[in-house]
PDB file of N, CA and C in Angstrom:
ATOM      1  N   MET A   1      12.014   5.868   9.266  1.00  0.00           N
ATOM      2  CA  MET A   1      12.090   4.244   8.723  1.00  0.00           C
ATOM      3  C   MET A   1      12.785   4.646   7.378  1.00  0.00           C
ATOM      4  N   GLU A   2      13.517   3.908   7.067  1.00  0.00           N
ATOM      5  CA  GLU A   2      14.378   4.045   5.640  1.00  0.00           C
ATOM      6  C   GLU A   2      14.130   2.848   4.827  1.00  0.00           C
ATOM      7  N   ARG A   3      13.669   3.009   3.680  1.00  0.00           N
ATOM      8  CA  ARG A   3      13.526   1.963   2.670  1.00  0.00           C
ATOM      9  C   ARG A   3      14.714   1.911   1.822  1.00  0.00           C
ATOM     10  N   LYS A   4      15.063   0.921   1.694  1.00  0.00           N
ATOM     11  CA  LYS A   4      16.076   0.844   0.337  1.00  0.00           C
ATOM     12  C   LYS A   4      15.941  -0.207  -0.871  1.00  0.00           C
ATOM     13  N   SER A   5      14.461  -0.541  -1.072  1.00  0.00           N
ATOM     14  CA  SER A   5      14.449  -1.207  -2.343  1.00  0.00           C
ATOM     15  C   SER A   5      14.636  -0.651  -3.526  1.00  0.00           C
ATOM     16  N   GLY A   6      14.531   0.880  -3.804  1.00  0.00           N
ATOM     17  CA  GLY A   6      14.701   1.415  -4.777  1.00  0.00           C
ATOM     18  C   GLY A   6      13.843   1.350  -5.936  1.00  0.00           C
ATOM     19  N   GLN A   7      12.717   0.518  -5.708  1.00  0.00           N
ATOM     20  CA  GLN A   7      11.686   0.138  -6.683  1.00  0.00           C
ATOM     21  C   GLN A   7      10.304   0.263  -6.001  1.00  0.00           C
ATOM     22  N   ASN A   8       9.610   1.498  -6.627  1.00  0.00           N
ATOM     23  CA  ASN A   8       7.895   1.469  -6.176  1.00  0.00           C
ATOM     24  C   ASN A   8       7.205   1.602  -7.207  1.00  0.00           C
ATOM     25  N   VAL A   9       5.741   1.323  -6.732  1.00  0.00           N
ATOM     26  CA  VAL A   9       4.687   1.570  -7.920  1.00  0.00           C
ATOM     27  C   VAL A   9       3.795   2.378  -7.098  1.00  0.00           C
ATOM     28  N   LYS A  10       3.433   3.073  -7.861  1.00  0.00           N
ATOM     29  CA  LYS A  10       1.887   3.931  -7.529  1.00  0.00           C
ATOM     30  C   LYS A  10       0.684   3.427  -8.121  1.00  0.00           C
ATOM     31  N   MET A  11      -0.158   3.173  -7.275  1.00  0.00           N
ATOM     32  CA  MET A  11      -1.382   2.544  -7.909  1.00  0.00           C
ATOM     33  C   MET A  11      -2.699   3.618  -7.252  1.00  0.00           C
ATOM     34  N   SER A  12      -3.820   3.576  -8.036  1.00  0.00           N
ATOM     35  CA  SER A  12      -5.117   4.089  -7.736  1.00  0.00           C
ATOM     36  C   SER A  12      -5.489   3.272  -6.425  1.00  0.00           C
ATOM     37  N   ALA A  13      -6.173   3.918  -5.560  1.00  0.00           N
ATOM     38  CA  ALA A  13      -6.696   3.127  -4.370  1.00  0.00           C
ATOM     39  C   ALA A  13      -7.684   1.965  -4.589  1.00  0.00           C
ATOM     40  N   GLY A  14      -8.391   2.307  -5.745  1.00  0.00           N
ATOM     41  CA  GLY A  14      -9.513   1.282  -6.175  1.00  0.00           C
ATOM     42  C   GLY A  14      -9.048   0.078  -6.870  1.00  0.00           C
ATOM     43  N   ALA A  15      -7.761   0.103  -7.269  1.00  0.00           N
ATOM     44  CA  ALA A  15      -7.273  -0.839  -7.729  1.00  0.00           C
ATOM     45  C   ALA A  15      -7.004  -2.173  -6.999  1.00  0.00           C
ATOM     46  N   SER A  16      -7.054  -3.601  -7.380  1.00  0.00           N
ATOM     47  CA  SER A  16      -6.680  -4.655  -6.643  1.00  0.00           C
ATOM     48  C   SER A  16      -5.224  -4.929  -6.509  1.00  0.00           C
ATOM     49  N   THR A  17      -4.861  -5.673  -5.405  1.00  0.00           N
ATOM     50  CA  THR A  17      -3.535  -6.278  -5.740  1.00  0.00           C
ATOM     51  C   THR A  17      -3.370  -7.334  -6.808  1.00  0.00           C
ATOM     52  N   LEU A  18      -4.178  -8.116  -7.575  1.00  0.00           N
ATOM     53  CA  LEU A  18      -4.117  -8.607  -8.536  1.00  0.00           C
ATOM     54  C   LEU A  18      -3.809  -7.763  -9.526  1.00  0.00           C
ATOM     55  N   GLU A  19      -4.523  -6.676  -9.965  1.00  0.00           N
ATOM     56  CA  GLU A  19      -4.031  -5.554 -10.855  1.00  0.00           C
ATOM     57  C   GLU A  19      -2.839  -5.296 -10.792  1.00  0.00           C
ATOM     58  N   MET A  20      -2.126  -4.723  -9.437  1.00  0.00           N
ATOM     59  CA  MET A  20      -0.983  -4.218  -9.289  1.00  0.00           C
ATOM     60  C   MET A  20       0.212  -5.284  -9.605  1.00  0.00           C
ATOM     61  N   LEU A  21      -0.224  -6.646  -9.111  1.00  0.00           N
ATOM     62  CA  LEU A  21       0.904  -7.475  -9.458  1.00  0.00           C
ATOM     63  C   LEU A  21       1.002  -7.970 -10.981  1.00  0.00           C
ATOM     64  N   GLY A  22      -0.122  -7.749 -11.738  1.00  0.00           N
ATOM     65  CA  GLY A  22      -0.222  -7.802 -13.004  1.00  0.00           C
ATOM     66  C   GLY A  22       0.380  -6.616 -13.985  1.00  0.00           C
ATOM     67  N   ILE A  23       0.852  -5.646 -13.251  1.00  0.00           N
ATOM     68  CA  ILE A  23       1.731  -4.647 -13.745  1.00  0.00           C
ATOM     69  C   ILE A  23       2.866  -4.873 -13.545  1.00  0.00           C
ATOM     70  N   VAL A  24       3.474  -4.931 -12.302  1.00  0.00           N
ATOM     71  CA  VAL A  24       4.929  -5.328 -11.571  1.00  0.00           C
ATOM     72  C   VAL A  24       5.518  -6.483 -12.111  1.00  0.00           C
ATOM     73  N   ARG A  25       4.816  -7.863 -12.156  1.00  0.00           N
ATOM     74  CA  ARG A  25       5.305  -9.112 -12.165  1.00  0.00           C
ATOM     75  C   ARG A  25       6.094  -9.246 -13.433  1.00  0.00           C
ATOM     76  N   PRO A  26       5.523  -8.863 -14.611  1.00  0.00           N
ATOM     77  CA  PRO A  26       6.419  -9.128 -15.784  1.00  0.00           C
ATOM     78  C   PRO A  26       7.594  -8.661 -15.627  1.00  0.00           C
ATOM     79  N   HIS A  27       7.850  -7.327 -14.863  1.00  0.00           N
ATOM     80  CA  HIS A  27       9.172  -6.601 -15.148  1.00  0.00           C
ATOM     81  C   HIS A  27      10.163  -7.126 -13.767  1.00  0.00           C
ATOM     82  N   GLY A  28       9.683  -8.172 -13.208  1.00  0.00           N
ATOM     83  CA  GLY A  28      10.507  -9.101 -12.250  1.00  0.00           C
ATOM     84  C   GLY A  28      10.310  -8.533 -10.950  1.00  0.00           C
ATOM     85  N   PHE A  29       9.205  -7.762 -10.505  1.00  0.00           N
ATOM     86  CA  PHE A  29       9.023  -7.346  -9.205  1.00  0.00           C
ATOM     87  C   PHE A  29       8.049  -7.970  -8.595  1.00  0.00           C
ATOM     88  N   LEU A  30       7.794  -8.023  -7.145  1.00  0.00           N
ATOM     89  CA  LEU A  30       6.596  -8.561  -6.077  1.00  0.00           C
ATOM     90  C   LEU A  30       6.736  -7.586  -4.984  1.00  0.00           C
ATOM     91  N   THR A  31       5.722  -7.795  -4.206  1.00  0.00           N
ATOM     92  CA  THR A  31       5.473  -7.151  -2.793  1.00  0.00           C
ATOM     93  C   THR A  31       6.078  -8.213  -1.964  1.00  0.00           C
ATOM     94  N   ARG A  32       6.353  -7.599  -0.739  1.00  0.00           N
ATOM     95  CA  ARG A  32       6.875  -8.901   0.129  1.00  0.00           C
ATOM     96  C   ARG A  32       5.735  -9.560   0.554  1.00  0.00           C
ATOM     97  N   THR A  33       4.710  -9.061   0.977  1.00  0.00           N
ATOM     98  CA  THR A  33       3.670 -10.054   1.296  1.00  0.00           C
ATOM     99  C   THR A  33       2.484  -9.708   0.522  1.00  0.00           C
ATOM    100  N   ASN A  34       1.352 -10.577   0.027  1.00  0.00           N
ATOM    101  CA  ASN A  34       0.420 -10.085  -0.707  1.00  0.00           C
ATOM    102  C   ASN A  34      -1.098 -10.737  -0.029  1.00  0.00           C
ATOM    103  N   THR A  35      -2.038 -10.116  -0.278  1.00  0.00           N
ATOM    104  CA  THR A  35      -3.239 -10.507   0.262  1.00  0.00           C
ATOM    105  C   THR A  35      -4.208 -11.554  -0.727  1.00  0.00           C
ATOM    106  N   ALA A  36      -5.338 -11.502  -0.736  1.00  0.00           N
ATOM    107  CA  ALA A  36      -6.333 -12.219  -1.420  1.00  0.00           C
ATOM    108  C   ALA A  36      -6.568 -11.728  -2.783  1.00  0.00           C
ATOM    109  N   GLY A  37      -5.644 -11.293  -3.399  1.00  0.00           N
ATOM    110  CA  GLY A  37      -5.468 -10.846  -5.037  1.00  0.00           C
ATOM    111  C   GLY A  37      -6.563 -10.103  -5.605  1.00  0.00           C
ATOM    112  N   ARG A  38      -7.718 -10.446  -6.180  1.00  0.00           N
ATOM    113  CA  ARG A  38      -8.666  -9.578  -6.625  1.00  0.00           C
ATOM    114  C   ARG A  38      -9.850  -9.334  -5.725  1.00  0.00           C
ATOM    115  N   PHE A  39      -9.815  -9.881  -4.264  1.00  0.00           N
ATOM    116  CA  PHE A  39     -10.823  -9.614  -3.367  1.00  0.00           C
ATOM    117  C   PHE A  39     -10.628  -8.293  -2.800  1.00  0.00           C
ATOM    118  N   PHE A  40      -9.716  -7.486  -2.577  1.00  0.00           N
ATOM    119  CA  PHE A  40      -9.681  -6.202  -2.002  1.00  0.00           C
ATOM    120  C   PHE A  40      -9.206  -5.277  -2.663  1.00  0.00           C
ATOM    121  N   ALA A  41      -9.701  -4.053  -2.531  1.00  0.00           N
ATOM    122  CA  ALA A  41      -8.847  -2.954  -3.418  1.00  0.00           C
ATOM    123  C   ALA A  41      -7.687  -2.381  -2.568  1.00  0.00           C
ATOM    124  N   LEU A  42      -6.582  -1.771  -2.971  1.00  0.00           N
ATOM    125  CA  LEU A  42      -5.556  -1.390  -2.139  1.00  0.00           C
ATOM    126  C   LEU A  42      -5.830  -0.669  -1.187  1.00  0.00           C
ATOM    127  N   GLY A  43      -6.644   0.452  -1.286  1.00  0.00           N
ATOM    128  CA  GLY A  43      -6.958   1.468  -0.383  1.00  0.00           C
ATOM    129  C   GLY A  43      -7.659   0.684   0.706  1.00  0.00           C
ATOM    130  N   GLY A  44      -8.811   0.003   0.587  1.00  0.00           N
ATOM    131  CA  GLY A  44      -9.620  -0.757   1.443  1.00  0.00           C
ATOM    132  C   GLY A  44      -8.873  -1.537   2.453  1.00  0.00           C
ATOM    133  N   ALA A  45      -7.582  -2.255   1.616  1.00  0.00           N
ATOM    134  CA  ALA A  45      -6.982  -3.285   2.584  1.00  0.00           C
ATOM    135  C   ALA A  45      -5.938  -2.147   3.405  1.00  0.00           C
ATOM    136  N   TYR A  46      -5.530  -1.394   2.947  1.00  0.00           N
ATOM    137  CA  TYR A  46      -4.845  -0.384   3.757  1.00  0.00           C
ATOM    138  C   TYR A  46      -5.522   0.280   5.079  1.00  0.00           C
ATOM    139  N   LEU A  47      -6.679   0.565   4.494  1.00  0.00           N
ATOM    140  CA  LEU A  47      -7.085   1.153   5.755  1.00  0.00           C
ATOM    141  C   LEU A  47      -7.979   0.506   6.804  1.00  0.00           C
ATOM    142  N   ASN A  48      -8.155  -0.823   6.378  1.00  0.00           N
ATOM    143  CA  ASN A  48      -8.898  -1.867   7.247  1.00  0.00           C
ATOM    144  C   ASN A  48      -7.840  -2.326   8.148  1.00  0.00           C
ATOM    145  N   PRO A  49      -8.072  -1.757   9.580  1.00  0.00           N
ATOM    146  CA  PRO A  49      -6.973  -2.547  10.440  1.00  0.00           C
ATOM    147  C   PRO A  49      -7.698  -3.967  10.821  1.00  0.00           C
ATOM    148  N   SER A  50      -8.449  -4.650  10.499  1.00  0.00           N
ATOM    149  CA  SER A  50      -8.621  -6.093  11.085  1.00  0.00           C
ATOM    150  C   SER A  50      -8.442  -6.870   9.741  1.00  0.00           C
ATOM    151  N   THR A  51      -8.346  -6.838   8.369  1.00  0.00           N
ATOM    152  CA  THR A  51      -8.010  -7.256   7.530  1.00  0.00           C
ATOM    153  C   THR A  51      -6.716  -7.492   7.127  1.00  0.00           C
ATOM    154  N   HIS A  52      -6.179  -6.258   6.156  1.00  0.00           N
ATOM    155  CA  HIS A  52      -4.802  -6.267   5.857  1.00  0.00           C
ATOM    156  C   HIS A  52      -3.811  -5.149   6.304  1.00  0.00           C
ATOM    157  N   GLY A  53      -4.681  -4.340   6.706  1.00  0.00           N
ATOM    158  CA  GLY A  53      -3.956  -2.941   6.808  1.00  0.00           C
ATOM    159  C   GLY A  53      -2.837  -3.178   8.169  1.00  0.00           C
ATOM    160  N   ALA A  54      -3.054  -3.941   9.120  1.00  0.00           N
ATOM    161  CA  ALA A  54      -2.511  -4.095  10.086  1.00  0.00           C
ATOM    162  C   ALA A  54      -1.895  -3.160  10.958  1.00  0.00           C
ATOM    163  N   SER A  55      -2.768  -2.443  11.463  1.00  0.00           N
ATOM    164  CA  SER A  55      -2.336  -1.341  12.354  1.00  0.00           C
ATOM    165  C   SER A  55      -1.376  -1.358  13.335  1.00  0.00           C
ATOM    166  N   PHE A  56      -1.313  -2.776  14.055  1.00  0.00           N
ATOM    167  CA  PHE A  56      -0.583  -2.892  15.137  1.00  0.00           C
ATOM    168  C   PHE A  56       0.556  -3.488  14.474  1.00  0.00           C
ATOM    169  N   GLY A  57       1.683  -2.840  14.925  1.00  0.00           N
ATOM    170  CA  GLY A  57       3.194  -3.653  14.351  1.00  0.00           C
ATOM    171  C   GLY A  57       3.401  -3.364  12.675  1.00  0.00           C
ATOM    172  N   GLU A  58       4.232  -3.833  12.214  1.00  0.00           N
ATOM    173  CA  GLU A  58       4.955  -4.049  10.907  1.00  0.00           C
ATOM    174  C   GLU A  58       4.509  -5.355  10.284  1.00  0.00           C
ATOM    175  N   SER A  59       3.448  -5.124   9.221  1.00  0.00           N
ATOM    176  CA  SER A  59       3.140  -6.478   8.582  1.00  0.00           C
ATOM    177  C   SER A  59       2.248  -6.073   7.721  1.00  0.00           C
ATOM    178  N   ARG A  60       1.932  -7.120   6.730  1.00  0.00           N
ATOM    179  CA  ARG A  60       1.060  -6.830   5.517  1.00  0.00           C
ATOM    180  C   ARG A  60       1.398  -6.191   4.533  1.00  0.00           C
ATOM    181  N   LEU A  61       0.480  -5.531   3.685  1.00  0.00           N
ATOM    182  CA  LEU A  61       0.374  -4.662   2.989  1.00  0.00           C
ATOM    183  C   LEU A  61       0.534  -3.118   3.593  1.00  0.00           C
ATOM    184  N   ALA A  62       0.241  -2.769   4.602  1.00  0.00           N
ATOM    185  CA  ALA A  62       0.420  -1.492   5.546  1.00  0.00           C
ATOM    186  C   ALA A  62       1.673  -1.245   5.509  1.00  0.00           C
ATOM    187  N   ALA A  63       2.915  -2.329   5.693  1.00  0.00           N
ATOM    188  CA  ALA A  63       4.272  -2.240   6.093  1.00  0.00           C
ATOM    189  C   ALA A  63       4.844  -1.548   4.808  1.00  0.00           C
ATOM    190  N   GLN A  64       4.211  -2.016   3.554  1.00  0.00           N
ATOM    191  CA  GLN A  64       4.703  -1.757   2.209  1.00  0.00           C
ATOM    192  C   GLN A  64       4.583  -0.520   1.834  1.00  0.00           C
ATOM    193  N   VAL A  65       3.428   0.396   2.072  1.00  0.00           N
ATOM    194  CA  VAL A  65       3.067   1.447   1.913  1.00  0.00           C
ATOM    195  C   VAL A  65       3.982   2.598   2.024  1.00  0.00           C
ATOM    196  N   LEU A  66       4.580   3.432   0.880  1.00  0.00           N
ATOM    197  CA  LEU A  66       5.601   4.263   1.430  1.00  0.00           C
ATOM    198  C   LEU A  66       4.931   5.766   1.289  1.00  0.00           C
ATOM    199  N   SER A  67       3.721   5.937   0.856  1.00  0.00           N
ATOM    200  CA  SER A  67       3.126   7.298   0.712  1.00  0.00           C
ATOM    201  C   SER A  67       1.646   7.412   0.501  1.00  0.00           C
ATOM    202  N   VAL A  68       0.966   8.130   0.601  1.00  0.00           N
ATOM    203  CA  VAL A  68      -0.581   8.267   0.333  1.00  0.00           C
ATOM    204  C   VAL A  68      -1.223   9.314  -0.140  1.00  0.00           C
ATOM    205  N   ARG A  69      -1.745   9.688  -1.118  1.00  0.00           N
ATOM    206  CA  ARG A  69      -2.597  10.607  -1.601  1.00  0.00           C
ATOM    207  C   ARG A  69      -3.829  10.825  -1.033  1.00  0.00           C
ATOM    208  N   VAL A  70      -4.251  11.985  -0.102  1.00  0.00           N
ATOM    209  CA  VAL A  70      -5.535  11.890   0.259  1.00  0.00           C
ATOM    210  C   VAL A  70      -6.360  13.270  -0.043  1.00  0.00           C
ATOM    211  N   MET A  71      -7.640  12.817   0.120  1.00  0.00           N
ATOM    212  CA  MET A  71      -8.568  14.269   0.136  1.00  0.00           C
ATOM    213  C   MET A  71      -8.872  14.498   1.431  1.00  0.00           C
ATOM    214  N   ASN A  72      -8.555  15.579   1.830  1.00  0.00           N
ATOM    215  CA  ASN A  72      -8.737  15.630   3.304  1.00  0.00           C
ATOM    216  C   ASN A  72     -10.195  16.145   3.526  1.00  0.00           C
ATOM    217  N   ALA A  73     -10.627  16.535   4.585  1.00  0.00           N
ATOM    218  CA  ALA A  73     -12.159  16.880   4.996  1.00  0.00           C
ATOM    219  C   ALA A  73     -12.463  18.049   3.965  1.00  0.00           C
ATOM    220  N   ASP A  74     -11.392  18.988   4.170  1.00  0.00           N
ATOM    221  CA  ASP A  74     -11.856  20.507   3.440  1.00  0.00           C
ATOM    222  C   ASP A  74     -11.659  20.291   1.931  1.00  0.00           C
ATOM    223  N   GLY A  75     -11.637  19.311   1.469  1.00  0.00           N
ATOM    224  CA  GLY A  75     -11.353  19.088   0.097  1.00  0.00           C
ATOM    225  C   GLY A  75     -10.003  19.104  -0.678  1.00  0.00           C
ATOM    226  N   ASP A  76      -9.053  19.425   0.212  1.00  0.00           N
ATOM    227  CA  ASP A  76      -7.780  19.742  -0.454  1.00  0.00           C
ATOM    228  C   ASP A  76      -7.174  18.198  -0.555  1.00  0.00           C
ATOM    229  N   ILE A  77      -6.297  18.369  -1.526  1.00  0.00           N
ATOM    230  CA  ILE A  77      -5.241  17.052  -1.899  1.00  0.00           C
ATOM    231  C   ILE A  77      -4.155  17.025  -1.287  1.00  0.00           C
ATOM    232  N   SER A  78      -3.554  16.189  -0.615  1.00  0.00           N
ATOM    233  CA  SER A  78      -2.238  16.315   0.196  1.00  0.00           C
ATOM    234  C   SER A  78      -1.636  14.732  -0.287  1.00  0.00           C
ATOM    235  N   VAL A  79      -0.414  14.841   0.200  1.00  0.00           N
ATOM    236  CA  VAL A  79       0.591  13.524  -0.096  1.00  0.00           C
ATOM    237  C   VAL A  79       1.600  13.235   1.217  1.00  0.00           C
ATOM    238  N   TYR A  80       1.040  12.418   1.896  1.00  0.00           N
ATOM    239  CA  TYR A  80       1.781  11.941   3.137  1.00  0.00           C
ATOM    240  C   TYR A  80       2.814  11.121   2.949  1.00  0.00           C
ATOM    241  N   ALA A  81       3.910  10.999   3.416  1.00  0.00           N
ATOM    242  CA  ALA A  81       4.855   9.929   3.307  1.00  0.00           C
ATOM    243  C   ALA A  81       5.918   9.659   4.676  1.00  0.00           C
ATOM    244  N   GLY A  82       6.483   9.193   4.676  1.00  0.00           N
ATOM    245  CA  GLY A  82       7.165   8.848   5.737  1.00  0.00           C
ATOM    246  C   GLY A  82       6.378   8.147   7.360  1.00  0.00           C
ATOM    247  N   GLU A  83       6.814   9.102   8.036  1.00  0.00           N
ATOM    248  CA  GLU A  83       5.949   8.747   9.551  1.00  0.00           C
ATOM    249  C   GLU A  83       4.445   9.042   9.246  1.00  0.00           C
ATOM    250  N   ASP A  84       4.049   9.736   8.639  1.00  0.00           N
ATOM    251  CA  ASP A  84       2.745  10.583   8.527  1.00  0.00           C
ATOM    252  C   ASP A  84       1.750   9.329   7.945  1.00  0.00           C
ATOM    253  N   VAL A  85       2.493   8.546   7.165  1.00  0.00           N
ATOM    254  CA  VAL A  85       1.488   7.689   6.270  1.00  0.00           C
ATOM    255  C   VAL A  85       0.966   6.412   7.437  1.00  0.00           C
ATOM    256  N   ILE A  86       1.716   6.350   8.621  1.00  0.00           N
ATOM    257  CA  ILE A  86       1.388   5.239   9.804  1.00  0.00           C
ATOM    258  C   ILE A  86       0.182   5.828  10.230  1.00  0.00           C
ATOM    259  N   ASP A  87      -0.256   7.332  10.541  1.00  0.00           N
ATOM    260  CA  ASP A  87      -1.547   7.883  11.235  1.00  0.00           C
ATOM    261  C   ASP A  87      -2.683   7.469  10.322  1.00  0.00           C
ATOM    262  N   PHE A  88      -2.606   7.214   8.784  1.00  0.00           N
ATOM    263  CA  PHE A  88      -3.527   6.767   8.104  1.00  0.00           C
ATOM    264  C   PHE A  88      -4.104   5.207   8.129  1.00  0.00           C
ATOM    265  N   ARG A  89      -3.116   4.378   8.600  1.00  0.00           N
ATOM    266  CA  ARG A  89      -3.064   3.077   8.762  1.00  0.00           C
ATOM    267  C   ARG A  89      -4.162   2.720   9.311  1.00  0.00           C
ATOM    268  N   GLY A  90      -5.193   2.007   9.096  1.00  0.00           N
ATOM    269  CA  GLY A  90      -6.623   1.368   9.801  1.00  0.00           C
ATOM    270  C   GLY A  90      -7.206   2.736  10.343  1.00  0.00           C
ATOM    271  N   SER A  91      -7.151   3.808   9.718  1.00  0.00           N
ATOM    272  CA  SER A  91      -8.238   4.798  10.073  1.00  0.00           C
ATOM    273  C   SER A  91      -9.692   4.645   9.525  1.00  0.00           C
ATOM    274  N   LEU A  92      -9.769   3.537   8.645  1.00  0.00           N
ATOM    275  CA  LEU A  92     -11.205   3.413   8.021  1.00  0.00           C
ATOM    276  C   LEU A  92     -11.518   4.370   7.114  1.00  0.00           C
ATOM    277  N   GLY A  93     -10.695   5.432   6.722  1.00  0.00           N
ATOM    278  CA  GLY A  93     -10.844   6.620   5.728  1.00  0.00           C
ATOM    279  C   GLY A  93     -11.632   7.593   6.818  1.00  0.00           C
ATOM    280  N   LEU A  94     -11.320   7.642   8.032  1.00  0.00           N
ATOM    281  CA  LEU A  94     -12.286   8.604   8.694  1.00  0.00           C
ATOM    282  C   LEU A  94     -11.130   9.843   8.648  1.00  0.00           C
ATOM    283  N   LEU A  95      -9.865   9.730   8.467  1.00  0.00           N
ATOM    284  CA  LEU A  95      -8.913  11.112   8.483  1.00  0.00           C
ATOM    285  C   LEU A  95      -8.756  11.497   7.056  1.00  0.00           C
ATOM    286  N   GLY A  96      -9.600  10.853   6.323  1.00  0.00           N
ATOM    287  CA  GLY A  96      -9.560  11.609   4.861  1.00  0.00           C
ATOM    288  C   GLY A  96      -9.686  10.518   3.837  1.00  0.00           C
ATOM    289  N   VAL A  97      -9.807  10.610   2.427  1.00  0.00           N
ATOM    290  CA  VAL A  97     -10.141   9.620   1.560  1.00  0.00           C
ATOM    291  C   VAL A  97      -9.050   9.223   0.649  1.00  0.00           C
ATOM    292  N   VAL A  98      -8.446   8.092   1.167  1.00  0.00           N
ATOM    293  CA  VAL A  98      -7.130   7.871   0.215  1.00  0.00           C
ATOM    294  C   VAL A  98      -7.733   7.718  -1.307  1.00  0.00           C
ATOM    295  N   THR A  99      -6.932   8.169  -2.027  1.00  0.00           N
ATOM    296  CA  THR A  99      -7.037   8.058  -3.559  1.00  0.00           C
ATOM    297  C   THR A  99      -5.961   7.527  -4.334  1.00  0.00           C
ATOM    298  N   ALA A 100      -4.786   7.371  -3.457  1.00  0.00           N
ATOM    299  CA  ALA A 100      -3.752   6.511  -4.134  1.00  0.00           C
ATOM    300  C   ALA A 100      -2.377   6.151  -3.123  1.00  0.00           C
ATOM    301  N   LEU A 101      -1.965   5.152  -3.574  1.00  0.00           N
ATOM    302  CA  LEU A 101      -0.936   4.669  -2.698  1.00  0.00           C
ATOM    303  C   LEU A 101       0.497   4.491  -3.262  1.00  0.00           C
ATOM    304  N   GLU A 102       1.508   4.460  -2.741  1.00  0.00           N
ATOM    305  CA  GLU A 102       2.771   4.134  -3.154  1.00  0.00           C
ATOM    306  C   GLU A 102       3.282   3.065  -2.420  1.00  0.00           C
ATOM    307  N   ILE A 103       3.690   1.917  -3.010  1.00  0.00           N
ATOM    308  CA  ILE A 103       3.696   0.719  -2.368  1.00  0.00           C
ATOM    309  C   ILE A 103       5.410   0.116  -2.819  1.00  0.00           C
ATOM    310  N   GLU A 104       6.282  -0.479  -1.823  1.00  0.00           N
ATOM    311  CA  GLU A 104       7.524  -0.632  -2.280  1.00  0.00           C
ATOM    312  C   GLU A 104       7.484  -2.095  -2.700  1.00  0.00           C
ATOM    313  N   LEU A 105       8.506  -2.397  -3.829  1.00  0.00           N
ATOM    314  CA  LEU A 105       8.348  -3.341  -4.403  1.00  0.00           C
ATOM    315  C   LEU A 105       9.746  -4.342  -4.219  1.00  0.00           C
ATOM    316  N   ARG A 106       9.818  -5.592  -4.099  1.00  0.00           N
ATOM    317  CA  ARG A 106      11.172  -6.048  -4.068  1.00  0.00           C
ATOM    318  C   ARG A 106      11.288  -7.152  -5.410  1.00  0.00           C
ATOM    319  N   ARG A 107      12.654  -7.030  -5.797  1.00  0.00           N
ATOM    320  CA  ARG A 107      12.839  -7.756  -7.152  1.00  0.00           C
ATOM    321  C   ARG A 107      12.612  -9.338  -6.798  1.00  0.00           C
ATOM    322  N   ASP A 108      12.199 -10.019  -7.678  1.00  0.00           N
ATOM    323  CA  ASP A 108      11.611 -11.345  -7.478  1.00  0.00           C
ATOM    324  C   ASP A 108      13.115 -12.151  -7.732  1.00  0.00           C
ATOM    325  N   THR A 109      13.492 -12.681  -7.068  1.00  0.00           N
ATOM    326  CA  THR A 109      15.046 -13.398  -6.846  1.00  0.00           C
ATOM    327  C   THR A 109      14.662 -15.149  -7.190  1.00  0.00           C
ATOM    328  N   GLY A 110      13.203 -15.372  -6.935  1.00  0.00           N
ATOM    329  CA  GLY A 110      12.996 -16.878  -7.301  1.00  0.00           C
ATOM    330  C   GLY A 110      12.894 -17.385  -5.865  1.00  0.00           C
ATOM    331  N   LEU A 111      12.534 -18.726  -5.976  1.00  0.00           N
ATOM    332  CA  LEU A 111      12.420 -19.520  -4.853  1.00  0.00           C
ATOM    333  C   LEU A 111      13.696 -20.148  -4.468  1.00  0.00           C
ATOM    334  N   LYS A 112      14.066 -19.881  -3.184  1.00  0.00           N
ATOM    335  CA  LYS A 112      15.754 -20.612  -2.493  1.00  0.00           C
ATOM    336  C   LYS A 112      15.088 -21.417  -1.675  1.00  0.00           C
ATOM    337  N   MET A 113      15.722 -22.446  -1.735  1.00  0.00           N
ATOM    338  CA  MET A 113      15.338 -23.495  -0.474  1.00  0.00           C
ATOM    339  C   MET A 113      16.645 -23.516   0.456  1.00  0.00           C
TER     340      MET A 113
END
């Protein structure tokens, strides 16, 4: 799966989507979709299949995650990207503890009618 936005942001898994947007929005960027702002941490939203992780299909926050940094069960830290990211989607943390995510951004082109 090839992404062509050219702009991404790396955030701690404990940050909320509201905190992320507070950083990227002043620079003219947004995510394709968004969740309930300050109520969900990025890592929790990504790992939860019934809320915003969308383990089935390409939608919500999960479709915008390009890579994840994970502490594996043996304590090693690994970065997973590309197709490997999908393995963690909706895993509820059972495959490892996600500590950071790289999220795809889009240029804010304004409202078009």
